Amino acid sequence: MSRVASVICMMLVSAMMFGFISPASAQIAPEVTLECEDQVEINPGPSSTRTAIVNCIVENPSAFSETIDITVDSGILDNAAPGTLTIAAGGSTDFEVVFKSDLAESPGEVLTNVTATISQVNGVPYPVGTSESEEVSVTIIEYLSCEAEFGQGGGTFDSGDEISISAAIICESNEEGDKTYQIHLIEENMGSSSWPNGFQNIDGDCKVEIEAGDSGENCNFRIGTPSDLEKDWEGCVVIIEKGEIRPNS
């Protein structure tokens, strides 16, 4: 009987030892996990900050305090991120990576990488350098902005006169393109944007070729007036992009 009891005790002790050693062995190697947003957009226009913010979280699932270095490979983009983070055992930390483009950066996708590398464990240098990386896609969106500024024209004219109107079209864009502009007459107090009877747009529309960056062209319009006006005509001239809603006042 005592022999059986002795065997049972040895089996119990063996099981207890195994249960004690197993979790300790899982804590030998320090670890790091990293998660980041995988897609952001940047507007590289002059009225924009030209930046995008990516939110990340880095975790330390081990039983040791870890010092983690954050590095970013952002290609043609500038970046800002925390250089080093210290994370307690079992803890996590949120951080931001900021990407910034040049003014008028060409549209397209830029693939970037954020990497978290263990550099110290419990304050001691960790030569193994265990790391984890996340790929972030940064899309540079297209933008095109133009303004029309009148140069000369306007005033008082006799019926039958030809009226010349010029305007500078100034554009900012990150790609080549074109826009077409139209001239319209708006009669005072009439609330209509249709051409008055007898007036003619002699030269038609003005097409503007746009280059990447800052560019500009002049649009020149000629308006023919009727020679048999029954009364004075008063109104305004407006220049709009083709396809836009014509104003009534």
C-alpha atoms as a PDB file:
ATOM      1  CA  MET A   1       0.000   0.000   0.000  1.00  0.00           C
ATOM      2  CA  SER A   2       2.797   2.401   0.830  1.00  0.00           C
ATOM      3  CA  ARG A   3       4.398   1.597  -2.541  1.00  0.00           C
ATOM      4  CA  VAL A   4       1.260   2.716  -4.380  1.00  0.00           C
ATOM      5  CA  ALA A   5       1.129   5.950  -2.372  1.00  0.00           C
ATOM      6  CA  SER A   6       4.772   6.631  -3.244  1.00  0.00           C
ATOM      7  CA  VAL A   7       4.092   6.255  -6.968  1.00  0.00           C
ATOM      8  CA  ILE A   8       1.073   8.544  -6.753  1.00  0.00           C
ATOM      9  CA  CYS A   9       3.109  11.244  -4.974  1.00  0.00           C
ATOM     10  CA  MET A  10       5.821  11.152  -7.611  1.00  0.00           C
ATOM     11  CA  MET A  11       3.261  11.575 -10.376  1.00  0.00           C
ATOM     12  CA  LEU A  12       1.749  14.600  -8.644  1.00  0.00           C
ATOM     13  CA  VAL A  13       5.106  16.273  -8.138  1.00  0.00           C
ATOM     14  CA  SER A  14       6.004  15.702 -11.796  1.00  0.00           C
ATOM     15  CA  ALA A  15       2.780  17.322 -12.968  1.00  0.00           C
ATOM     16  CA  MET A  16       3.310  20.340 -10.700  1.00  0.00           C
ATOM     17  CA  MET A  17       6.820  20.842 -11.990  1.00  0.00           C
ATOM     18  CA  PHE A  18       5.628  20.719 -15.594  1.00  0.00           C
ATOM     19  CA  GLY A  19       2.876  23.228 -14.872  1.00  0.00           C
ATOM     20  CA  PHE A  20       5.374  25.618 -13.277  1.00  0.00           C
ATOM     21  CA  ILE A  21       7.983  25.474 -16.039  1.00  0.00           C
ATOM     22  CA  SER A  22       5.672  25.866 -19.066  1.00  0.00           C
ATOM     23  CA  PRO A  23       4.621  29.540 -18.676  1.00  0.00           C
ATOM     24  CA  ALA A  24       8.169  30.568 -17.760  1.00  0.00           C
ATOM     25  CA  SER A  25       9.512  29.127 -21.000  1.00  0.00           C
ATOM     26  CA  ALA A  26       6.957  31.159 -23.000  1.00  0.00           C
ATOM     27  CA  GLN A  27       8.356  34.397 -21.557  1.00  0.00           C
ATOM     28  CA  ILE A  28      11.972  33.839 -22.573  1.00  0.00           C
ATOM     29  CA  ALA A  29      11.802  35.659 -25.955  1.00  0.00           C
ATOM     30  CA  PRO A  30      10.679  39.333 -25.951  1.00  0.00           C
ATOM     31  CA  GLU A  31       7.985  40.151 -28.524  1.00  0.00           C
ATOM     32  CA  VAL A  32       6.451  43.194 -30.189  1.00  0.00           C
ATOM     33  CA  THR A  33       3.251  43.596 -32.224  1.00  0.00           C
ATOM     34  CA  LEU A  34       2.343  46.572 -34.414  1.00  0.00           C
ATOM     35  CA  GLU A  35      -0.897  47.678 -36.074  1.00  0.00           C
ATOM     36  CA  CYS A  36      -1.411  50.800 -38.242  1.00  0.00           C
ATOM     37  CA  GLU A  37      -4.090  52.211 -40.494  1.00  0.00           C
ATOM     38  CA  ASP A  38      -3.327  50.885 -43.950  1.00  0.00           C
ATOM     39  CA  GLN A  39      -4.607  53.711 -46.217  1.00  0.00           C
ATOM     40  CA  VAL A  40      -4.578  57.525 -46.098  1.00  0.00           C
ATOM     41  CA  GLU A  41      -4.837  60.396 -48.601  1.00  0.00           C
ATOM     42  CA  ILE A  42      -2.905  63.648 -49.067  1.00  0.00           C
ATOM     43  CA  ASN A  43      -4.132  66.728 -50.913  1.00  0.00           C
ATOM     44  CA  PRO A  44      -0.937  68.460 -52.142  1.00  0.00           C
ATOM     45  CA  GLY A  45      -2.702  71.705 -53.069  1.00  0.00           C
ATOM     46  CA  PRO A  46      -1.620  75.176 -51.875  1.00  0.00           C
ATOM     47  CA  SER A  47      -4.639  75.607 -49.583  1.00  0.00           C
ATOM     48  CA  SER A  48      -4.051  72.242 -47.875  1.00  0.00           C
ATOM     49  CA  THR A  49      -1.683  71.191 -45.077  1.00  0.00           C
ATOM     50  CA  ARG A  50      -0.379  68.518 -47.511  1.00  0.00           C
ATOM     51  CA  THR A  51      -0.278  66.036 -44.629  1.00  0.00           C
ATOM     52  CA  ALA A  52      -1.892  62.772 -43.585  1.00  0.00           C
ATOM     53  CA  ILE A  53      -1.901  61.223 -40.101  1.00  0.00           C
ATOM     54  CA  VAL A  54      -1.683  57.462 -39.568  1.00  0.00           C
ATOM     55  CA  ASN A  55      -2.718  56.050 -36.185  1.00  0.00           C
ATOM     56  CA  CYS A  56      -0.722  53.073 -34.891  1.00  0.00           C
ATOM     57  CA  ILE A  57      -0.639  50.928 -31.773  1.00  0.00           C
ATOM     58  CA  VAL A  58       2.415  48.986 -30.576  1.00  0.00           C
ATOM     59  CA  GLU A  59       2.085  46.241 -27.936  1.00  0.00           C
ATOM     60  CA  ASN A  60       4.510  44.425 -25.663  1.00  0.00           C
ATOM     61  CA  PRO A  61       2.978  40.989 -24.902  1.00  0.00           C
ATOM     62  CA  SER A  62       6.045  39.778 -22.980  1.00  0.00           C
ATOM     63  CA  ALA A  63       6.835  39.787 -19.254  1.00  0.00           C
ATOM     64  CA  PHE A  64       9.663  42.321 -19.673  1.00  0.00           C
ATOM     65  CA  SER A  65       9.886  46.073 -20.052  1.00  0.00           C
ATOM     66  CA  GLU A  66      10.872  46.848 -23.643  1.00  0.00           C
ATOM     67  CA  THR A  67      12.394  49.869 -25.388  1.00  0.00           C
ATOM     68  CA  ILE A  68      11.098  49.968 -28.949  1.00  0.00           C
ATOM     69  CA  ASP A  69      12.515  52.044 -31.823  1.00  0.00           C
ATOM     70  CA  ILE A  70      10.061  53.337 -34.450  1.00  0.00           C
ATOM     71  CA  THR A  71      11.390  53.827 -37.994  1.00  0.00           C
ATOM     72  CA  VAL A  72       9.515  54.945 -41.105  1.00  0.00           C
ATOM     73  CA  ASP A  73      10.407  54.385 -44.756  1.00  0.00           C
ATOM     74  CA  SER A  74       8.277  56.946 -46.630  1.00  0.00           C
ATOM     75  CA  GLY A  75       9.947  57.219 -50.040  1.00  0.00           C
ATOM     76  CA  ILE A  76       9.393  60.667 -51.608  1.00  0.00           C
ATOM     77  CA  LEU A  77       7.334  61.843 -48.629  1.00  0.00           C
ATOM     78  CA  ASP A  78       8.566  63.547 -45.478  1.00  0.00           C
ATOM     79  CA  ASN A  79       7.559  61.887 -42.206  1.00  0.00           C
ATOM     80  CA  ALA A  80       7.461  62.472 -38.471  1.00  0.00           C
ATOM     81  CA  ALA A  81       7.111  59.769 -35.805  1.00  0.00           C
ATOM     82  CA  PRO A  82       8.267  59.091 -32.234  1.00  0.00           C
ATOM     83  CA  GLY A  83      11.811  57.745 -32.323  1.00  0.00           C
ATOM     84  CA  THR A  84      11.683  55.569 -29.206  1.00  0.00           C
ATOM     85  CA  LEU A  85       8.936  54.200 -26.952  1.00  0.00           C
ATOM     86  CA  THR A  86       9.275  52.382 -23.626  1.00  0.00           C
ATOM     87  CA  ILE A  87       6.453  49.929 -22.957  1.00  0.00           C
ATOM     88  CA  ALA A  88       5.879  48.048 -19.721  1.00  0.00           C
ATOM     89  CA  ALA A  89       5.342  44.301 -19.665  1.00  0.00           C
ATOM     90  CA  GLY A  90       1.941  43.450 -21.125  1.00  0.00           C
ATOM     91  CA  GLY A  91       1.338  47.092 -22.071  1.00  0.00           C
ATOM     92  CA  SER A  92       0.634  49.008 -25.279  1.00  0.00           C
ATOM     93  CA  THR A  93       1.068  52.553 -26.611  1.00  0.00           C
ATOM     94  CA  ASP A  94      -0.730  54.531 -29.323  1.00  0.00           C
ATOM     95  CA  PHE A  95       1.303  56.816 -31.582  1.00  0.00           C
ATOM     96  CA  GLU A  96       0.948  58.813 -34.793  1.00  0.00           C
ATOM     97  CA  VAL A  97       2.968  58.896 -37.991  1.00  0.00           C
ATOM     98  CA  VAL A  98       2.634  62.071 -40.062  1.00  0.00           C
ATOM     99  CA  PHE A  99       3.333  62.007 -43.801  1.00  0.00           C
ATOM    100  CA  LYS A 100       3.810  65.225 -45.792  1.00  0.00           C
ATOM    101  CA  SER A 101       4.101  65.818 -49.526  1.00  0.00           C
ATOM    102  CA  ASP A 102       5.723  68.565 -51.541  1.00  0.00           C
ATOM    103  CA  LEU A 103       3.547  71.253 -53.099  1.00  0.00           C
ATOM    104  CA  ALA A 104       2.030  69.997 -56.379  1.00  0.00           C
ATOM    105  CA  GLU A 105       3.270  66.421 -55.817  1.00  0.00           C
ATOM    106  CA  SER A 106       2.181  64.239 -58.742  1.00  0.00           C
ATOM    107  CA  PRO A 107      -0.947  62.150 -58.105  1.00  0.00           C
ATOM    108  CA  GLY A 108      -0.500  58.444 -57.378  1.00  0.00           C
ATOM    109  CA  GLU A 109       0.143  55.874 -54.664  1.00  0.00           C
ATOM    110  CA  VAL A 110       3.197  55.872 -52.385  1.00  0.00           C
ATOM    111  CA  LEU A 111       3.872  52.672 -50.426  1.00  0.00           C
ATOM    112  CA  THR A 112       5.443  53.282 -47.012  1.00  0.00           C
ATOM    113  CA  ASN A 113       6.533  51.106 -44.099  1.00  0.00           C
ATOM    114  CA  VAL A 114       6.384  51.635 -40.336  1.00  0.00           C
ATOM    115  CA  THR A 115       8.656  49.342 -38.298  1.00  0.00           C
ATOM    116  CA  ALA A 116       8.825  48.698 -34.535  1.00  0.00           C
ATOM    117  CA  THR A 117      12.114  47.130 -33.348  1.00  0.00           C
ATOM    118  CA  ILE A 118      13.027  45.996 -29.820  1.00  0.00           C
ATOM    119  CA  SER A 119      16.309  47.716 -28.889  1.00  0.00           C
ATOM    120  CA  GLN A 120      16.382  47.096 -25.100  1.00  0.00           C
ATOM    121  CA  VAL A 121      14.852  44.598 -22.682  1.00  0.00           C
ATOM    122  CA  ASN A 122      14.647  45.615 -19.018  1.00  0.00           C
ATOM    123  CA  GLY A 123      17.102  48.411 -19.836  1.00  0.00           C
ATOM    124  CA  VAL A 124      19.694  46.063 -21.346  1.00  0.00           C
ATOM    125  CA  PRO A 125      20.593  46.276 -25.079  1.00  0.00           C
ATOM    126  CA  TYR A 126      18.831  43.557 -27.080  1.00  0.00           C
ATOM    127  CA  PRO A 127      21.038  42.578 -30.045  1.00  0.00           C
ATOM    128  CA  VAL A 128      18.472  40.214 -31.553  1.00  0.00           C
ATOM    129  CA  GLY A 129      16.441  43.232 -32.672  1.00  0.00           C
ATOM    130  CA  THR A 130      13.060  41.514 -32.993  1.00  0.00           C
ATOM    131  CA  SER A 131      10.786  43.705 -35.130  1.00  0.00           C
ATOM    132  CA  GLU A 132       7.416  43.967 -36.848  1.00  0.00           C
ATOM    133  CA  SER A 133       6.392  46.154 -39.793  1.00  0.00           C
ATOM    134  CA  GLU A 134       3.173  47.544 -41.250  1.00  0.00           C
ATOM    135  CA  GLU A 135       2.704  48.757 -44.844  1.00  0.00           C
ATOM    136  CA  VAL A 136       0.746  51.985 -45.311  1.00  0.00           C
ATOM    137  CA  SER A 137      -0.530  53.144 -48.702  1.00  0.00           C
ATOM    138  CA  VAL A 138      -0.509  56.952 -49.091  1.00  0.00           C
ATOM    139  CA  THR A 139      -2.543  58.248 -52.043  1.00  0.00           C
ATOM    140  CA  ILE A 140      -1.649  61.651 -53.488  1.00  0.00           C
ATOM    141  CA  ILE A 141      -4.959  62.911 -54.839  1.00  0.00           C
ATOM    142  CA  GLU A 142      -5.463  65.038 -57.945  1.00  0.00           C
ATOM    143  CA  TYR A 143      -6.255  68.715 -57.540  1.00  0.00           C
ATOM    144  CA  LEU A 144      -6.924  71.550 -59.953  1.00  0.00           C
ATOM    145  CA  SER A 145      -7.910  75.080 -58.990  1.00  0.00           C
ATOM    146  CA  CYS A 146      -8.332  78.051 -61.345  1.00  0.00           C
ATOM    147  CA  GLU A 147      -9.425  81.663 -60.946  1.00  0.00           C
ATOM    148  CA  ALA A 148     -10.396  84.237 -63.556  1.00  0.00           C
ATOM    149  CA  GLU A 149      -9.237  87.825 -63.109  1.00  0.00           C
ATOM    150  CA  PHE A 150     -10.531  90.551 -65.417  1.00  0.00           C
ATOM    151  CA  GLY A 151      -7.888  92.637 -67.123  1.00  0.00           C
ATOM    152  CA  GLN A 152      -9.523  95.292 -69.234  1.00  0.00           C
ATOM    153  CA  GLY A 153     -13.007  95.934 -70.556  1.00  0.00           C
ATOM    154  CA  GLY A 154     -16.276  97.355 -69.377  1.00  0.00           C
ATOM    155  CA  GLY A 155     -17.405 100.960 -69.455  1.00  0.00           C
ATOM    156  CA  THR A 156     -19.949 102.807 -71.625  1.00  0.00           C
ATOM    157  CA  PHE A 157     -20.405 101.961 -75.287  1.00  0.00           C
ATOM    158  CA  ASP A 158     -22.593 103.054 -78.180  1.00  0.00           C
ATOM    159  CA  SER A 159     -24.946 100.631 -79.849  1.00  0.00           C
ATOM    160  CA  GLY A 160     -23.217  98.770 -82.658  1.00  0.00           C
ATOM    161  CA  ASP A 161     -19.814  98.927 -80.924  1.00  0.00           C
ATOM    162  CA  GLU A 162     -17.658  95.865 -80.436  1.00  0.00           C
ATOM    163  CA  ILE A 163     -16.726  95.274 -76.782  1.00  0.00           C
ATOM    164  CA  SER A 164     -13.424  93.595 -75.930  1.00  0.00           C
ATOM    165  CA  ILE A 165     -13.047  91.773 -72.613  1.00  0.00           C
ATOM    166  CA  SER A 166      -9.833  90.124 -71.410  1.00  0.00           C
ATOM    167  CA  ALA A 167      -9.258  87.906 -68.394  1.00  0.00           C
ATOM    168  CA  ALA A 168      -6.256  86.116 -66.932  1.00  0.00           C
ATOM    169  CA  ILE A 169      -6.941  82.496 -66.001  1.00  0.00           C
ATOM    170  CA  ILE A 170      -4.554  81.508 -63.201  1.00  0.00           C
ATOM    171  CA  CYS A 171      -4.377  77.805 -62.266  1.00  0.00           C
ATOM    172  CA  GLU A 172      -2.660  75.596 -59.714  1.00  0.00           C
ATOM    173  CA  SER A 173      -2.565  71.864 -60.354  1.00  0.00           C
ATOM    174  CA  ASN A 174      -0.506  68.719 -59.818  1.00  0.00           C
ATOM    175  CA  GLU A 175      -1.189  67.359 -63.298  1.00  0.00           C
ATOM    176  CA  GLU A 176      -1.675  68.568 -66.833  1.00  0.00           C
ATOM    177  CA  GLY A 177      -5.189  69.243 -68.093  1.00  0.00           C
ATOM    178  CA  ASP A 178      -7.448  71.827 -69.655  1.00  0.00           C
ATOM    179  CA  LYS A 179     -10.518  73.919 -68.884  1.00  0.00           C
ATOM    180  CA  THR A 180     -12.918  75.817 -71.136  1.00  0.00           C
ATOM    181  CA  TYR A 181     -14.314  79.208 -70.150  1.00  0.00           C
ATOM    182  CA  GLN A 182     -17.394  81.042 -71.383  1.00  0.00           C
ATOM    183  CA  ILE A 183     -18.509  84.650 -71.204  1.00  0.00           C
ATOM    184  CA  HIS A 184     -22.081  85.610 -70.246  1.00  0.00           C
ATOM    185  CA  LEU A 185     -24.050  88.830 -70.034  1.00  0.00           C
ATOM    186  CA  ILE A 186     -26.439  89.502 -67.166  1.00  0.00           C
ATOM    187  CA  GLU A 187     -28.896  92.343 -67.639  1.00  0.00           C
ATOM    188  CA  GLU A 188     -29.367  94.536 -64.570  1.00  0.00           C
ATOM    189  CA  ASN A 189     -32.530  93.828 -62.566  1.00  0.00           C
ATOM    190  CA  MET A 190     -33.677  91.181 -65.062  1.00  0.00           C
ATOM    191  CA  GLY A 191     -32.497  88.044 -63.253  1.00  0.00           C
ATOM    192  CA  SER A 192     -31.643  86.236 -66.477  1.00  0.00           C
ATOM    193  CA  SER A 193     -28.338  84.817 -67.666  1.00  0.00           C
ATOM    194  CA  SER A 194     -29.414  84.274 -71.293  1.00  0.00           C
ATOM    195  CA  TRP A 195     -27.808  86.442 -73.971  1.00  0.00           C
ATOM    196  CA  PRO A 196     -29.824  89.633 -74.545  1.00  0.00           C
ATOM    197  CA  ASN A 197     -31.470  90.090 -77.943  1.00  0.00           C
ATOM    198  CA  GLY A 198     -29.021  91.231 -80.580  1.00  0.00           C
ATOM    199  CA  PHE A 199     -25.811  90.688 -78.571  1.00  0.00           C
ATOM    200  CA  GLN A 200     -23.259  88.234 -79.979  1.00  0.00           C
ATOM    201  CA  ASN A 201     -20.342  86.260 -78.572  1.00  0.00           C
ATOM    202  CA  ILE A 202     -18.047  86.720 -81.570  1.00  0.00           C
ATOM    203  CA  ASP A 203     -15.094  84.497 -80.629  1.00  0.00           C
ATOM    204  CA  GLY A 204     -16.922  81.800 -78.664  1.00  0.00           C
ATOM    205  CA  ASP A 205     -15.368  79.877 -75.776  1.00  0.00           C
ATOM    206  CA  CYS A 206     -11.771  80.054 -74.528  1.00  0.00           C
ATOM    207  CA  LYS A 207      -9.829  76.823 -73.929  1.00  0.00           C
ATOM    208  CA  VAL A 208      -7.013  76.992 -71.383  1.00  0.00           C
ATOM    209  CA  GLU A 209      -4.170  74.440 -71.321  1.00  0.00           C
ATOM    210  CA  ILE A 210      -3.049  73.721 -67.758  1.00  0.00           C
ATOM    211  CA  GLU A 211       0.427  72.577 -66.725  1.00  0.00           C
ATOM    212  CA  ALA A 212       1.490  70.931 -63.470  1.00  0.00           C
ATOM    213  CA  GLY A 213       2.355  73.552 -60.864  1.00  0.00           C
ATOM    214  CA  ASP A 214       1.401  77.195 -61.435  1.00  0.00           C
ATOM    215  CA  SER A 215       0.251  78.166 -64.909  1.00  0.00           C
ATOM    216  CA  GLY A 216      -1.882  80.788 -66.578  1.00  0.00           C
ATOM    217  CA  GLU A 217      -3.281  81.987 -69.882  1.00  0.00           C
ATOM    218  CA  ASN A 218      -5.233  84.990 -71.127  1.00  0.00           C
ATOM    219  CA  CYS A 219      -8.723  84.678 -72.507  1.00  0.00           C
ATOM    220  CA  ASN A 220      -9.917  87.383 -74.896  1.00  0.00           C
ATOM    221  CA  PHE A 221     -13.598  87.744 -75.716  1.00  0.00           C
ATOM    222  CA  ARG A 222     -15.372  90.036 -78.180  1.00  0.00           C
ATOM    223  CA  ILE A 223     -19.008  90.965 -77.801  1.00  0.00           C
ATOM    224  CA  GLY A 224     -21.019  92.392 -80.699  1.00  0.00           C
ATOM    225  CA  THR A 225     -23.779  94.827 -79.721  1.00  0.00           C
ATOM    226  CA  PRO A 226     -26.967  95.514 -81.725  1.00  0.00           C
ATOM    227  CA  SER A 227     -27.013  98.709 -83.759  1.00  0.00           C
ATOM    228  CA  ASP A 228     -30.734  99.279 -83.194  1.00  0.00           C
ATOM    229  CA  LEU A 229     -31.081  99.323 -79.397  1.00  0.00           C
ATOM    230  CA  GLU A 230     -34.429 100.859 -78.438  1.00  0.00           C
ATOM    231  CA  LYS A 231     -33.172 101.791 -74.954  1.00  0.00           C
ATOM    232  CA  ASP A 232     -30.023 101.846 -72.904  1.00  0.00           C
ATOM    233  CA  TRP A 233     -28.819  98.422 -71.796  1.00  0.00           C
ATOM    234  CA  GLU A 234     -27.082  98.039 -68.435  1.00  0.00           C
ATOM    235  CA  GLY A 235     -25.595  94.853 -67.113  1.00  0.00           C
ATOM    236  CA  CYS A 236     -22.515  92.854 -66.203  1.00  0.00           C
ATOM    237  CA  VAL A 237     -20.123  90.418 -67.802  1.00  0.00           C
ATOM    238  CA  VAL A 238     -19.203  87.153 -66.054  1.00  0.00           C
ATOM    239  CA  ILE A 239     -16.686  84.479 -67.009  1.00  0.00           C
ATOM    240  CA  ILE A 240     -17.399  80.938 -65.848  1.00  0.00           C
ATOM    241  CA  GLU A 241     -16.029  77.466 -66.505  1.00  0.00           C
ATOM    242  CA  LYS A 242     -18.008  75.587 -69.126  1.00  0.00           C
ATOM    243  CA  GLY A 243     -20.534  73.315 -67.460  1.00  0.00           C
ATOM    244  CA  GLU A 244     -21.002  75.488 -64.376  1.00  0.00           C
ATOM    245  CA  ILE A 245     -24.429  76.935 -63.615  1.00  0.00           C
ATOM    246  CA  ARG A 246     -24.781  80.379 -65.126  1.00  0.00           C
ATOM    247  CA  PRO A 247     -25.482  83.046 -62.504  1.00  0.00           C
ATOM    248  CA  ASN A 248     -28.636  85.171 -62.707  1.00  0.00           C
ATOM    249  CA  SER A 249     -27.327  88.210 -60.868  1.00  0.00           C
END
